[in-house]
């Protein structure tokens, strides 16, 4: 099989592939420097995303209030009501997202960590990290 056939298999994890696909990918990557480089890049990406999952960001106090104040000060005069509805919906989605993220962070801090759970990672991501080591 050539690069064209193997390239769609490169982003997948081994456990997501059939045994035949995994074998074909491994054999091709071993003999093709270009695909080996691409496969290594995907591996580094998975590791970086796993590391980023452990990061927590606490919004600065008053972020929601300042965002709402800025939106209020910069209220645009729009002649087309459809544009106004889209703008209002987007602003509402932004506010809702900020509220959900802030609540999730507060909830996460209140939850006790289970013994052996990787700090900051979703319970489903922890087994995947074990495979990376």
C-alpha atoms as a PDB file:
ATOM      1  CA  UNK A   1       0.000   0.000   0.000  1.00  0.00           C
ATOM      2  CA  UNK A   2       1.123   3.518  -0.728  1.00  0.00           C
ATOM      3  CA  UNK A   3       1.074   6.778   1.198  1.00  0.00           C
ATOM      4  CA  UNK A   4      -2.274   7.687  -0.319  1.00  0.00           C
ATOM      5  CA  UNK A   5      -3.859   4.560   1.191  1.00  0.00           C
ATOM      6  CA  UNK A   6      -2.152   4.811   4.591  1.00  0.00           C
ATOM      7  CA  UNK A   7      -2.467   8.562   5.206  1.00  0.00           C
ATOM      8  CA  UNK A   8      -6.122   8.352   6.438  1.00  0.00           C
ATOM      9  CA  UNK A   9      -4.991   5.789   9.048  1.00  0.00           C
ATOM     10  CA  UNK A  10      -2.216   7.956  10.530  1.00  0.00           C
ATOM     11  CA  UNK A  11      -4.342  10.109  12.894  1.00  0.00           C
ATOM     12  CA  UNK A  12      -6.126   7.097  14.423  1.00  0.00           C
ATOM     13  CA  UNK A  13      -4.971   5.462  17.632  1.00  0.00           C
ATOM     14  CA  UNK A  14      -3.945   1.809  17.329  1.00  0.00           C
ATOM     15  CA  UNK A  15      -6.946   0.617  19.339  1.00  0.00           C
ATOM     16  CA  UNK A  16      -9.256   2.395  16.882  1.00  0.00           C
ATOM     17  CA  UNK A  17      -7.906   0.411  13.941  1.00  0.00           C
ATOM     18  CA  UNK A  18      -8.592  -3.144  12.910  1.00  0.00           C
ATOM     19  CA  UNK A  19      -5.622  -5.506  13.319  1.00  0.00           C
ATOM     20  CA  UNK A  20      -5.096  -5.478   9.543  1.00  0.00           C
ATOM     21  CA  UNK A  21      -5.152  -1.655   9.377  1.00  0.00           C
ATOM     22  CA  UNK A  22      -2.747  -1.397  12.320  1.00  0.00           C
ATOM     23  CA  UNK A  23      -0.327  -3.845  10.702  1.00  0.00           C
ATOM     24  CA  UNK A  24      -0.481  -2.103   7.309  1.00  0.00           C
ATOM     25  CA  UNK A  25       0.081   1.291   8.936  1.00  0.00           C
ATOM     26  CA  UNK A  26       2.990   0.049  11.050  1.00  0.00           C
ATOM     27  CA  UNK A  27       4.710  -1.607   8.082  1.00  0.00           C
ATOM     28  CA  UNK A  28       4.288   1.455   5.881  1.00  0.00           C
ATOM     29  CA  UNK A  29       5.430   3.918   8.559  1.00  0.00           C
ATOM     30  CA  UNK A  30       8.534   1.783   9.159  1.00  0.00           C
ATOM     31  CA  UNK A  31       9.529   2.096   5.498  1.00  0.00           C
ATOM     32  CA  UNK A  32       8.331   5.649   4.658  1.00  0.00           C
ATOM     33  CA  UNK A  33      10.081   8.611   6.301  1.00  0.00           C
ATOM     34  CA  UNK A  34       7.371  11.062   5.209  1.00  0.00           C
ATOM     35  CA  UNK A  35       4.532   9.079   6.823  1.00  0.00           C
ATOM     36  CA  UNK A  36       6.716   8.319   9.862  1.00  0.00           C
ATOM     37  CA  UNK A  37       7.169  12.066  10.382  1.00  0.00           C
ATOM     38  CA  UNK A  38       3.426  12.646  10.053  1.00  0.00           C
ATOM     39  CA  UNK A  39       2.619   9.797  12.470  1.00  0.00           C
ATOM     40  CA  UNK A  40       5.117  11.203  14.986  1.00  0.00           C
ATOM     41  CA  UNK A  41       3.436  14.604  14.661  1.00  0.00           C
ATOM     42  CA  UNK A  42       0.059  13.080  15.502  1.00  0.00           C
ATOM     43  CA  UNK A  43       1.607  11.344  18.494  1.00  0.00           C
ATOM     44  CA  UNK A  44       3.060  14.635  19.770  1.00  0.00           C
ATOM     45  CA  UNK A  45      -0.323  16.309  19.241  1.00  0.00           C
ATOM     46  CA  UNK A  46      -2.076  13.661  21.378  1.00  0.00           C
ATOM     47  CA  UNK A  47       0.501  14.123  24.136  1.00  0.00           C
ATOM     48  CA  UNK A  48       0.163  17.921  24.011  1.00  0.00           C
ATOM     49  CA  UNK A  49      -3.630  17.729  24.190  1.00  0.00           C
ATOM     50  CA  UNK A  50      -3.381  15.375  27.167  1.00  0.00           C
ATOM     51  CA  UNK A  51      -1.070  17.844  28.920  1.00  0.00           C
ATOM     52  CA  UNK A  52      -3.417  20.741  28.119  1.00  0.00           C
ATOM     53  CA  UNK A  53      -6.356  18.823  29.567  1.00  0.00           C
ATOM     54  CA  UNK A  54      -4.634  19.004  32.942  1.00  0.00           C
ATOM     55  CA  UNK A  55      -4.452  22.794  32.891  1.00  0.00           C
ATOM     56  CA  UNK A  56      -7.017  24.821  34.757  1.00  0.00           C
ATOM     57  CA  UNK A  57      -7.757  28.462  34.134  1.00  0.00           C
ATOM     58  CA  UNK A  58      -9.578  30.504  36.717  1.00  0.00           C
ATOM     59  CA  UNK A  59     -11.377  33.496  35.227  1.00  0.00           C
ATOM     60  CA  UNK A  60     -10.326  36.773  36.753  1.00  0.00           C
ATOM     61  CA  UNK A  61     -12.877  38.078  39.241  1.00  0.00           C
ATOM     62  CA  UNK A  62     -15.448  40.268  37.514  1.00  0.00           C
ATOM     63  CA  UNK A  63     -14.800  38.958  33.987  1.00  0.00           C
ATOM     64  CA  UNK A  64     -18.470  38.353  33.290  1.00  0.00           C
ATOM     65  CA  UNK A  65     -19.495  41.761  34.592  1.00  0.00           C
ATOM     66  CA  UNK A  66     -16.797  43.562  32.567  1.00  0.00           C
ATOM     67  CA  UNK A  67     -17.757  41.640  29.429  1.00  0.00           C
ATOM     68  CA  UNK A  68     -21.389  42.591  29.845  1.00  0.00           C
ATOM     69  CA  UNK A  69     -20.451  46.232  30.457  1.00  0.00           C
ATOM     70  CA  UNK A  70     -18.327  46.334  27.283  1.00  0.00           C
ATOM     71  CA  UNK A  71     -21.147  44.786  25.283  1.00  0.00           C
ATOM     72  CA  UNK A  72     -23.556  47.337  26.710  1.00  0.00           C
ATOM     73  CA  UNK A  73     -21.265  50.332  25.947  1.00  0.00           C
ATOM     74  CA  UNK A  74     -20.609  49.192  22.406  1.00  0.00           C
ATOM     75  CA  UNK A  75     -24.200  48.569  21.504  1.00  0.00           C
ATOM     76  CA  UNK A  76     -24.461  49.013  17.770  1.00  0.00           C
ATOM     77  CA  UNK A  77     -27.264  50.781  15.998  1.00  0.00           C
ATOM     78  CA  UNK A  78     -28.447  48.285  13.431  1.00  0.00           C
ATOM     79  CA  UNK A  79     -31.022  49.068  10.798  1.00  0.00           C
ATOM     80  CA  UNK A  80     -31.716  45.452   9.832  1.00  0.00           C
ATOM     81  CA  UNK A  81     -33.538  43.554  12.633  1.00  0.00           C
ATOM     82  CA  UNK A  82     -32.108  40.222  11.407  1.00  0.00           C
ATOM     83  CA  UNK A  83     -28.580  41.477  12.038  1.00  0.00           C
ATOM     84  CA  UNK A  84     -29.637  42.674  15.482  1.00  0.00           C
ATOM     85  CA  UNK A  85     -31.074  39.230  16.283  1.00  0.00           C
ATOM     86  CA  UNK A  86     -27.857  37.504  15.204  1.00  0.00           C
ATOM     87  CA  UNK A  87     -25.769  39.918  17.293  1.00  0.00           C
ATOM     88  CA  UNK A  88     -28.006  39.430  20.329  1.00  0.00           C
ATOM     89  CA  UNK A  89     -27.874  35.659  19.936  1.00  0.00           C
ATOM     90  CA  UNK A  90     -24.088  35.706  19.671  1.00  0.00           C
ATOM     91  CA  UNK A  91     -23.784  37.893  22.763  1.00  0.00           C
ATOM     92  CA  UNK A  92     -26.142  35.593  24.641  1.00  0.00           C
ATOM     93  CA  UNK A  93     -24.145  32.541  23.592  1.00  0.00           C
ATOM     94  CA  UNK A  94     -20.938  34.210  24.796  1.00  0.00           C
ATOM     95  CA  UNK A  95     -22.444  35.051  28.166  1.00  0.00           C
ATOM     96  CA  UNK A  96     -23.922  31.558  28.522  1.00  0.00           C
ATOM     97  CA  UNK A  97     -20.553  30.011  27.695  1.00  0.00           C
ATOM     98  CA  UNK A  98     -18.780  32.159  30.274  1.00  0.00           C
ATOM     99  CA  UNK A  99     -21.327  31.225  32.920  1.00  0.00           C
ATOM    100  CA  UNK A 100     -21.131  27.495  32.118  1.00  0.00           C
ATOM    101  CA  UNK A 101     -17.329  27.509  32.188  1.00  0.00           C
ATOM    102  CA  UNK A 102     -17.229  29.409  35.476  1.00  0.00           C
ATOM    103  CA  UNK A 103     -19.738  27.013  37.063  1.00  0.00           C
ATOM    104  CA  UNK A 104     -17.881  23.970  35.773  1.00  0.00           C
ATOM    105  CA  UNK A 105     -14.620  25.236  37.228  1.00  0.00           C
ATOM    106  CA  UNK A 106     -16.235  25.911  40.603  1.00  0.00           C
ATOM    107  CA  UNK A 107     -17.914  22.490  40.587  1.00  0.00           C
ATOM    108  CA  UNK A 108     -14.646  20.808  39.643  1.00  0.00           C
ATOM    109  CA  UNK A 109     -12.844  22.396  42.581  1.00  0.00           C
ATOM    110  CA  UNK A 110     -15.509  21.164  44.990  1.00  0.00           C
ATOM    111  CA  UNK A 111     -15.277  17.534  43.814  1.00  0.00           C
ATOM    112  CA  UNK A 112     -12.813  15.375  45.782  1.00  0.00           C
ATOM    113  CA  UNK A 113     -10.281  13.603  43.607  1.00  0.00           C
ATOM    114  CA  UNK A 114     -10.453   9.841  43.573  1.00  0.00           C
ATOM    115  CA  UNK A 115      -7.302   7.999  44.538  1.00  0.00           C
ATOM    116  CA  UNK A 116      -5.222   7.266  41.467  1.00  0.00           C
ATOM    117  CA  UNK A 117      -7.129   9.699  39.243  1.00  0.00           C
ATOM    118  CA  UNK A 118      -4.888  11.862  37.107  1.00  0.00           C
ATOM    119  CA  UNK A 119      -5.210  15.453  38.245  1.00  0.00           C
ATOM    120  CA  UNK A 120      -7.291  17.676  36.012  1.00  0.00           C
ATOM    121  CA  UNK A 121      -8.268  15.042  33.463  1.00  0.00           C
ATOM    122  CA  UNK A 122     -11.653  13.682  32.685  1.00  0.00           C
ATOM    123  CA  UNK A 123     -12.092  10.127  33.975  1.00  0.00           C
ATOM    124  CA  UNK A 124     -12.248   8.801  30.406  1.00  0.00           C
ATOM    125  CA  UNK A 125      -8.980  10.505  29.416  1.00  0.00           C
ATOM    126  CA  UNK A 126      -6.941   8.912  32.206  1.00  0.00           C
ATOM    127  CA  UNK A 127      -6.797   5.415  30.624  1.00  0.00           C
ATOM    128  CA  UNK A 128      -5.654   6.949  27.343  1.00  0.00           C
ATOM    129  CA  UNK A 129      -2.787   8.674  29.140  1.00  0.00           C
ATOM    130  CA  UNK A 130      -1.704   5.382  30.649  1.00  0.00           C
ATOM    131  CA  UNK A 131      -1.269   4.010  27.134  1.00  0.00           C
ATOM    132  CA  UNK A 132       0.957   6.945  26.164  1.00  0.00           C
ATOM    133  CA  UNK A 133       3.574   6.193  28.817  1.00  0.00           C
END
